[in-house]
N, C-alpha and C. Protein backbone atom coordinates (compact mmCIF):
# COMPACT_ATOMS: atom_id res chain seq x y z
N MET A 1 -20.39 92.23 62.27
CA MET A 1 -19.78 90.81 61.69
C MET A 1 -18.44 91.25 60.82
N GLU A 2 -18.68 92.40 59.99
CA GLU A 2 -17.47 92.69 59.39
C GLU A 2 -16.21 93.11 60.06
N ASP A 3 -16.54 93.77 61.14
CA ASP A 3 -15.47 94.24 62.06
C ASP A 3 -14.85 93.13 62.70
N ILE A 4 -15.62 92.02 62.94
CA ILE A 4 -14.80 90.93 63.57
C ILE A 4 -14.01 90.17 62.58
N LEU A 5 -14.51 90.07 61.44
CA LEU A 5 -13.70 89.51 60.41
C LEU A 5 -12.43 90.15 60.13
N ILE A 6 -12.49 91.54 60.05
CA ILE A 6 -11.24 92.25 59.81
C ILE A 6 -10.23 92.11 60.99
N VAL A 7 -10.61 91.89 62.27
CA VAL A 7 -9.86 91.82 63.46
C VAL A 7 -9.20 90.47 63.30
N LEU A 8 -9.93 89.40 62.96
CA LEU A 8 -9.38 88.05 62.66
C LEU A 8 -8.47 87.99 61.62
N VAL A 9 -8.48 88.71 60.55
CA VAL A 9 -7.56 88.77 59.60
C VAL A 9 -6.43 89.46 60.01
N SER A 10 -6.62 90.58 60.74
CA SER A 10 -5.51 91.50 61.12
C SER A 10 -4.51 90.78 62.20
N LEU A 11 -5.25 89.82 62.89
CA LEU A 11 -4.54 89.16 64.00
C LEU A 11 -3.46 88.13 63.36
N GLY A 12 -3.67 87.82 62.22
CA GLY A 12 -2.95 86.82 61.40
C GLY A 12 -1.69 87.40 60.88
N ILE A 13 -0.84 87.91 61.74
CA ILE A 13 0.30 88.47 61.30
C ILE A 13 1.55 87.54 61.32
N ASP A 14 2.35 87.33 60.31
CA ASP A 14 3.26 86.31 60.19
C ASP A 14 4.42 86.83 61.41
N GLU A 15 4.76 85.85 62.17
CA GLU A 15 5.62 86.14 63.22
C GLU A 15 7.03 86.32 62.75
N SER A 16 7.39 85.61 61.91
CA SER A 16 8.74 85.86 61.41
C SER A 16 8.99 87.30 60.48
N ASP A 17 7.85 87.77 59.96
CA ASP A 17 7.96 89.14 59.20
C ASP A 17 6.64 89.87 59.50
N CYS A 18 6.64 90.88 60.30
CA CYS A 18 5.36 91.51 60.80
C CYS A 18 4.71 92.34 59.50
N THR A 19 5.55 92.38 58.55
CA THR A 19 4.98 93.11 57.35
C THR A 19 4.21 92.21 56.58
N LYS A 20 4.21 90.87 56.70
CA LYS A 20 3.51 89.81 56.16
C LYS A 20 2.28 89.43 56.93
N GLY A 21 1.26 89.26 56.23
CA GLY A 21 0.06 88.61 57.01
C GLY A 21 -0.31 87.26 56.46
N THR A 22 -0.94 86.58 57.44
CA THR A 22 -1.54 85.23 57.07
C THR A 22 -3.00 85.20 57.48
N LEU A 23 -3.50 84.19 56.98
CA LEU A 23 -5.00 84.01 57.28
C LEU A 23 -5.25 83.02 58.28
N ASP A 24 -4.15 82.49 59.07
CA ASP A 24 -4.31 81.39 60.02
C ASP A 24 -5.33 81.55 61.04
N VAL A 25 -5.44 82.78 61.67
CA VAL A 25 -6.24 83.05 62.70
C VAL A 25 -7.78 83.04 62.19
N TYR A 26 -7.85 83.72 61.04
CA TYR A 26 -9.13 83.72 60.45
C TYR A 26 -9.60 82.44 60.03
N LYS A 27 -8.71 81.65 59.47
CA LYS A 27 -9.19 80.25 58.84
C LYS A 27 -9.59 79.27 60.22
N THR A 28 -8.66 79.34 61.22
CA THR A 28 -8.91 78.46 62.37
C THR A 28 -10.00 78.76 63.11
N ASN A 29 -10.23 80.14 63.40
CA ASN A 29 -11.11 80.56 64.40
C ASN A 29 -12.59 81.01 63.74
N PHE A 30 -12.59 81.11 62.37
CA PHE A 30 -13.83 81.70 61.97
C PHE A 30 -14.16 80.76 60.78
N GLU A 31 -13.32 80.60 59.79
CA GLU A 31 -13.70 79.85 58.50
C GLU A 31 -14.20 78.58 58.65
N GLN A 32 -13.25 77.76 59.44
CA GLN A 32 -13.39 76.27 59.43
C GLN A 32 -14.71 76.02 60.35
N PRO A 33 -14.85 76.62 61.62
CA PRO A 33 -16.06 76.43 62.38
C PRO A 33 -17.45 77.08 61.53
N PHE A 34 -17.24 78.04 60.80
CA PHE A 34 -18.37 78.52 60.04
C PHE A 34 -18.93 77.54 59.10
N ILE A 35 -17.95 76.99 58.32
CA ILE A 35 -18.32 76.11 57.37
C ILE A 35 -18.88 74.77 57.90
N GLU A 36 -18.33 74.32 59.06
CA GLU A 36 -18.86 73.06 59.67
C GLU A 36 -20.16 73.42 60.14
N GLU A 37 -20.36 74.56 60.81
CA GLU A 37 -21.77 74.87 61.40
C GLU A 37 -22.74 75.02 60.29
N THR A 38 -22.39 75.72 59.21
CA THR A 38 -23.38 75.88 58.00
C THR A 38 -23.74 74.43 57.50
N LYS A 39 -22.71 73.73 57.42
CA LYS A 39 -23.04 72.23 56.96
C LYS A 39 -24.04 71.60 57.70
N ARG A 40 -23.75 71.64 59.14
CA ARG A 40 -24.76 70.98 59.93
C ARG A 40 -26.12 71.64 59.95
N TYR A 41 -26.06 72.85 59.77
CA TYR A 41 -27.51 73.60 59.76
C TYR A 41 -28.28 73.15 58.57
N TYR A 42 -27.57 73.14 57.44
CA TYR A 42 -28.30 72.67 56.17
C TYR A 42 -28.70 71.24 56.10
N ILE A 43 -27.77 70.44 56.85
CA ILE A 43 -28.18 68.92 56.78
C ILE A 43 -29.62 68.73 57.61
N GLN A 44 -29.49 69.58 58.79
CA GLN A 44 -30.73 69.52 59.61
C GLN A 44 -31.82 70.19 58.89
N GLU A 45 -31.61 71.17 58.16
CA GLU A 45 -32.90 71.88 57.52
C GLU A 45 -33.37 70.89 56.45
N SER A 46 -32.56 70.33 55.63
CA SER A 46 -33.08 69.34 54.57
C SER A 46 -33.73 68.13 55.19
N GLN A 47 -33.21 67.52 56.27
CA GLN A 47 -33.72 66.44 56.85
C GLN A 47 -35.28 66.85 57.36
N ALA A 48 -35.38 67.96 57.99
CA ALA A 48 -36.71 68.24 58.66
C ALA A 48 -37.56 68.66 57.48
N PHE A 49 -37.17 69.26 56.44
CA PHE A 49 -38.07 69.60 55.27
C PHE A 49 -38.62 68.34 54.56
N LEU A 50 -37.55 67.38 54.30
CA LEU A 50 -38.10 65.98 53.79
C LEU A 50 -38.90 65.20 54.65
N ALA A 51 -38.81 65.46 55.95
CA ALA A 51 -39.80 64.70 56.76
C ALA A 51 -41.08 65.00 56.66
N GLU A 52 -41.34 66.24 56.20
CA GLU A 52 -42.77 66.79 56.15
C GLU A 52 -43.09 67.07 54.53
N ASN A 53 -42.21 66.90 53.70
CA ASN A 53 -42.51 67.23 52.29
C ASN A 53 -42.14 66.25 51.35
N SER A 54 -42.57 66.12 50.14
CA SER A 54 -41.90 65.19 49.13
C SER A 54 -40.68 65.65 48.65
N VAL A 55 -39.97 64.74 47.90
CA VAL A 55 -38.70 64.99 47.18
C VAL A 55 -38.92 66.16 46.08
N VAL A 56 -39.95 65.96 45.55
CA VAL A 56 -40.27 67.06 44.50
C VAL A 56 -40.43 68.40 44.98
N GLU A 57 -41.08 68.60 46.18
CA GLU A 57 -41.15 69.84 46.95
C GLU A 57 -39.81 70.36 47.41
N TYR A 58 -38.82 69.33 47.83
CA TYR A 58 -37.38 69.65 48.25
C TYR A 58 -36.73 70.27 46.97
N MET A 59 -36.69 69.44 45.85
CA MET A 59 -36.07 70.17 44.74
C MET A 59 -36.61 71.42 44.16
N LYS A 60 -37.89 71.69 44.28
CA LYS A 60 -38.35 73.05 44.09
C LYS A 60 -37.74 74.05 44.93
N LYS A 61 -37.61 73.74 46.23
CA LYS A 61 -37.05 74.61 47.04
C LYS A 61 -35.65 74.84 46.87
N VAL A 62 -34.80 73.89 46.69
CA VAL A 62 -33.39 73.93 46.32
C VAL A 62 -33.23 74.77 45.08
N CYS A 63 -33.80 74.46 44.21
CA CYS A 63 -33.72 75.07 42.83
C CYS A 63 -34.05 76.64 42.99
N HIS A 64 -35.20 77.04 43.65
CA HIS A 64 -35.65 78.18 43.93
C HIS A 64 -34.46 79.08 44.72
N GLY A 65 -33.73 78.38 45.80
CA GLY A 65 -32.70 79.00 46.50
C GLY A 65 -31.55 79.11 45.63
N HIS A 66 -31.15 78.24 44.80
CA HIS A 66 -30.21 78.38 43.84
C HIS A 66 -30.33 79.49 42.94
N TYR A 67 -31.67 79.78 42.47
CA TYR A 67 -31.95 80.79 41.59
C TYR A 67 -31.83 82.08 42.35
N LEU A 68 -32.17 82.22 43.53
CA LEU A 68 -32.07 83.41 44.44
C LEU A 68 -30.63 83.85 44.59
N LEU A 69 -29.76 82.83 44.73
CA LEU A 69 -28.35 83.19 44.85
C LEU A 69 -27.62 83.61 43.65
N LEU A 70 -28.17 83.27 42.50
CA LEU A 70 -27.72 83.75 41.19
C LEU A 70 -28.36 85.08 40.70
N SER A 71 -29.34 85.50 41.48
CA SER A 71 -29.92 86.71 40.92
C SER A 71 -29.03 87.93 41.31
N PRO A 72 -29.19 89.21 40.52
CA PRO A 72 -28.24 90.09 40.68
C PRO A 72 -28.37 90.81 42.07
N ARG A 73 -29.34 90.60 42.92
CA ARG A 73 -29.46 91.17 44.06
C ARG A 73 -28.41 90.66 44.96
N PHE A 74 -27.92 89.41 44.76
CA PHE A 74 -26.93 88.96 45.60
C PHE A 74 -25.49 88.79 45.00
N ASN A 75 -25.27 89.46 43.92
CA ASN A 75 -24.10 89.56 43.36
C ASN A 75 -23.53 90.92 43.32
């Protein structure tokens, strides 16, 4: 995945000055679709979880996930 991102970033060369780079290719072909797909995924996940669990259980899950993202292991 990292190699693909490097290629996308390197493809974003400013046509008027090849020494300058832009992130247009990365943003258009990866970032925007990735954000939209991630949003869609978490909407579906939360709806499915709430269909079978209480709001209290959902909040516990959200808080636990937030805690994990803040732990030193992820930083």
